[in-house]
Amino acid sequence: MWWGEALIGCAVVVPGSLVLSANVSWFPFWLALVITGWAIVTAALGPPARHRRWRWALHEEELDLLHGTWEETGTIVPVTRIQHVSVERTGWTNLFGLVRVQVHTAAGETTIPGLERPQADELRDRILSKLHTPDDL
């Protein structure tokens, strides 16, 4: 799925930069070549790096995520802050038989991409089993 996204990005950026350099006088051709090279390198190296760096773990009290292609980002979502969990399937992810798990909190949402449907359903059920609703509401 990430390879496809990278190829689509190249298909937009490379012709766009070349057309821009051909039609705009202040945009030099060498800059279009640099942009083209960067897009190709990013498309070739990005998806495998992204796949290697994506980690998540559901602990007793928190959901721990670690991701980032060039810069690593760690996110910890306390289970007590989770409001609801959804499993999202789009036309794009459906092409690859994958879904995304979205964890919603008051601060926003956190997404775990690229899961197979049974794995996503099991994760959603595990998260929901850890949620506790106070009896005094």
Protein backbone atom coordinates (compact mmCIF):
# COMPACT_ATOMS: atom_id res chain seq x y z
CA MET A 1 0.00 0.00 0.00
CA TRP A 2 2.81 2.41 0.88
CA TRP A 3 4.63 1.52 -2.36
CA GLY A 4 1.50 2.50 -4.30
CA GLU A 5 1.25 5.82 -2.46
CA ALA A 6 4.93 6.51 -3.19
CA LEU A 7 4.50 5.73 -6.90
CA ILE A 8 1.46 7.99 -7.14
CA GLY A 9 3.46 10.75 -5.46
CA CYS A 10 6.25 10.30 -8.03
CA ALA A 11 3.74 10.30 -10.87
CA VAL A 12 2.55 13.72 -9.71
CA VAL A 13 5.79 15.38 -8.56
CA VAL A 14 8.15 14.36 -11.38
CA PRO A 15 6.04 15.51 -14.37
CA GLY A 16 4.87 18.54 -12.39
CA SER A 17 8.39 19.77 -11.69
CA LEU A 18 9.48 19.14 -15.29
CA VAL A 19 6.46 20.98 -16.72
CA LEU A 20 7.04 23.82 -14.26
CA SER A 21 10.68 24.19 -15.29
CA ALA A 22 9.71 24.20 -18.97
CA ASN A 23 7.01 26.86 -18.58
CA VAL A 24 8.18 29.14 -15.75
CA SER A 25 11.28 31.22 -16.34
CA TRP A 26 12.32 31.53 -12.67
CA PHE A 27 12.17 27.75 -12.08
CA PRO A 28 15.48 26.31 -13.35
CA PHE A 29 15.76 22.90 -14.97
CA TRP A 30 18.43 21.77 -12.47
CA LEU A 31 15.92 22.31 -9.64
CA ALA A 32 13.41 20.09 -11.48
CA LEU A 33 16.12 17.40 -11.71
CA VAL A 34 16.87 17.70 -7.98
CA ILE A 35 13.15 17.41 -7.15
CA THR A 36 12.83 14.43 -9.50
CA GLY A 37 15.82 12.71 -7.90
CA TRP A 38 14.51 13.37 -4.40
CA ALA A 39 11.07 12.00 -5.33
CA ILE A 40 12.55 8.83 -6.80
CA VAL A 41 14.87 8.23 -3.81
CA THR A 42 12.03 8.88 -1.37
CA ALA A 43 9.72 6.53 -3.29
CA ALA A 44 12.39 3.82 -3.35
CA LEU A 45 13.58 4.07 0.25
CA GLY A 46 10.54 5.47 2.05
CA PRO A 47 8.07 2.56 2.11
CA PRO A 48 10.55 -0.07 3.39
CA ALA A 49 11.84 2.37 6.04
CA ARG A 50 8.29 3.26 7.03
CA HIS A 51 7.35 -0.41 7.35
CA ARG A 52 10.41 -1.22 9.48
CA ARG A 53 9.78 1.72 11.82
CA TRP A 54 6.03 1.27 12.43
CA ARG A 55 5.48 -0.40 15.80
CA TRP A 56 2.57 -0.53 18.18
CA ALA A 57 1.82 -2.40 21.37
CA LEU A 58 -1.25 -2.54 23.57
CA HIS A 59 -0.29 -2.71 27.24
CA GLU A 60 -2.59 -2.94 30.25
CA GLU A 61 -2.79 0.83 30.75
CA GLU A 62 -1.73 2.33 27.41
CA LEU A 63 -1.49 2.02 23.67
CA ASP A 64 2.11 2.64 22.62
CA LEU A 65 2.93 3.68 19.03
CA LEU A 66 6.30 4.28 17.39
CA HIS A 67 6.49 5.46 13.79
CA GLY A 68 8.21 7.73 11.33
CA THR A 69 10.16 7.28 8.14
CA TRP A 70 12.95 9.82 8.60
CA GLU A 71 12.03 11.15 12.04
CA GLU A 72 10.83 8.83 14.79
CA THR A 73 7.67 9.77 16.71
CA GLY A 74 6.49 8.00 19.82
CA THR A 75 2.89 8.30 21.00
CA ILE A 76 1.39 6.92 24.18
CA VAL A 77 -2.39 6.89 24.46
CA PRO A 78 -3.66 6.10 27.97
CA VAL A 79 -6.45 3.54 27.78
CA THR A 80 -8.50 5.63 30.23
CA ARG A 81 -8.54 8.51 27.69
CA ILE A 82 -9.90 6.45 24.79
CA GLN A 83 -13.47 7.41 23.89
CA HIS A 84 -14.10 5.02 21.04
CA VAL A 85 -12.33 2.79 18.54
CA SER A 86 -13.20 2.34 14.88
CA VAL A 87 -11.97 0.13 12.07
CA GLU A 88 -11.79 2.04 8.79
CA ARG A 89 -11.72 0.57 5.33
CA THR A 90 -11.32 2.85 2.32
CA GLY A 91 -11.28 2.09 -1.38
CA TRP A 92 -7.49 2.44 -1.38
CA THR A 93 -6.84 0.16 1.61
CA ASN A 94 -9.44 -2.30 0.33
CA LEU A 95 -7.33 -2.86 -2.80
CA PHE A 96 -4.68 -4.40 -0.55
CA GLY A 97 -7.04 -6.17 1.87
CA LEU A 98 -6.03 -3.86 4.70
CA VAL A 99 -7.82 -1.62 7.19
CA ARG A 100 -6.91 1.10 9.68
CA VAL A 101 -7.74 1.12 13.38
CA GLN A 102 -8.57 4.59 14.65
CA VAL A 103 -8.45 5.32 18.37
CA HIS A 104 -10.37 8.48 19.29
CA THR A 105 -9.66 10.59 22.37
CA ALA A 106 -10.68 14.11 23.37
CA ALA A 107 -7.30 15.29 22.02
CA GLY A 108 -7.86 13.81 18.56
CA GLU A 109 -7.37 10.48 16.88
CA THR A 110 -4.51 8.06 16.46
CA THR A 111 -4.38 5.70 13.51
CA ILE A 112 -2.73 2.31 13.15
CA PRO A 113 -2.58 1.64 9.39
CA GLY A 114 -2.02 -1.47 7.34
CA LEU A 115 -3.68 -4.17 9.44
CA GLU A 116 -5.52 -7.17 8.09
CA ARG A 117 -9.19 -7.22 9.06
CA PRO A 118 -9.02 -10.09 11.61
CA GLN A 119 -6.01 -8.49 13.33
CA ALA A 120 -7.76 -5.09 13.40
CA ASP A 121 -10.96 -6.57 14.83
CA GLU A 122 -8.98 -8.40 17.51
CA LEU A 123 -7.11 -5.21 18.44
CA ARG A 124 -10.34 -3.22 18.59
CA ASP A 125 -11.91 -5.84 20.84
CA ARG A 126 -8.83 -5.91 23.12
CA ILE A 127 -8.89 -2.13 23.48
CA LEU A 128 -12.62 -2.09 24.18
CA SER A 129 -12.25 -4.82 26.80
CA LYS A 130 -9.78 -2.59 28.67
CA LEU A 131 -12.12 0.41 28.77
CA HIS A 132 -13.94 0.85 32.04
CA THR A 133 -17.05 2.95 32.44
CA PRO A 134 -17.59 4.35 35.93
CA ASP A 135 -20.81 3.13 37.56
CA ASP A 136 -21.58 6.52 39.07
CA LEU A 137 -22.35 8.30 35.79
